[in-house]
Amino acid sequence: MFSSSHRQKLGNRISGRYILFHGQPDGSFPYGGLLRAASGKIYGTTYYGGENGIGTVYELSPRSVGEWEGRVIYSFQAGNDGNSPISDLVRDAAGNFYGTTSEGGLGSGTIFKLTPIGGGQWTESVVHPFEGPPDGGFSYNGMVIDRFGNFYGATVHGGTDDDGCVYRFTP
């Protein structure tokens, strides 16, 4: 799946070990930012790749020798569950991940939830399919969490005039 490589650039601007993506079945185009868990693992999304070529959620685990081991924890399916995530992931207090997809669902993207089910396995559910105006649509940005557990995000379409909106989602 993923491979690890060592790179060093003059002036020590880039050095160390990093992960290379290879398209299917792992992932490609990791647009979103990274989420570092208390365990030291790093999580992110890819826009393409995975089993169906429409995006993944991946996990990077630190190895004892300073390298990383990568694996896909979810491959987006046929689009009903969302596809082509661009945004960052956020984590709730229970350890679930939430993210957004720029497409799929009812056609305008989704808010999805990944729940750990044990043994390193995860299950995905769509918690909100964006419907377009007057609802939001095409969420290219991630979400942030307030101290009460509400998530806030923005969409580039939707809203009253289809010029986008800022939304609040409460799990």
Foldseek 3Di string as FASTA:
>chain_A
DKDKDFDADPPRPDTAIDIDDDAPQAADAFQEDWDADPQRKIKGKHCAHHPVGFIFIKIWDADPVRYIDMDTQDDDDDQLLAGRANYGWDAFPVGKIWWWHQAGNLGFIFIKIWDDPDPSHIDMDTPGDADFAQGAGRFNYTWDADPVGKIKGKHCAHRHVRRIDIDIHHD
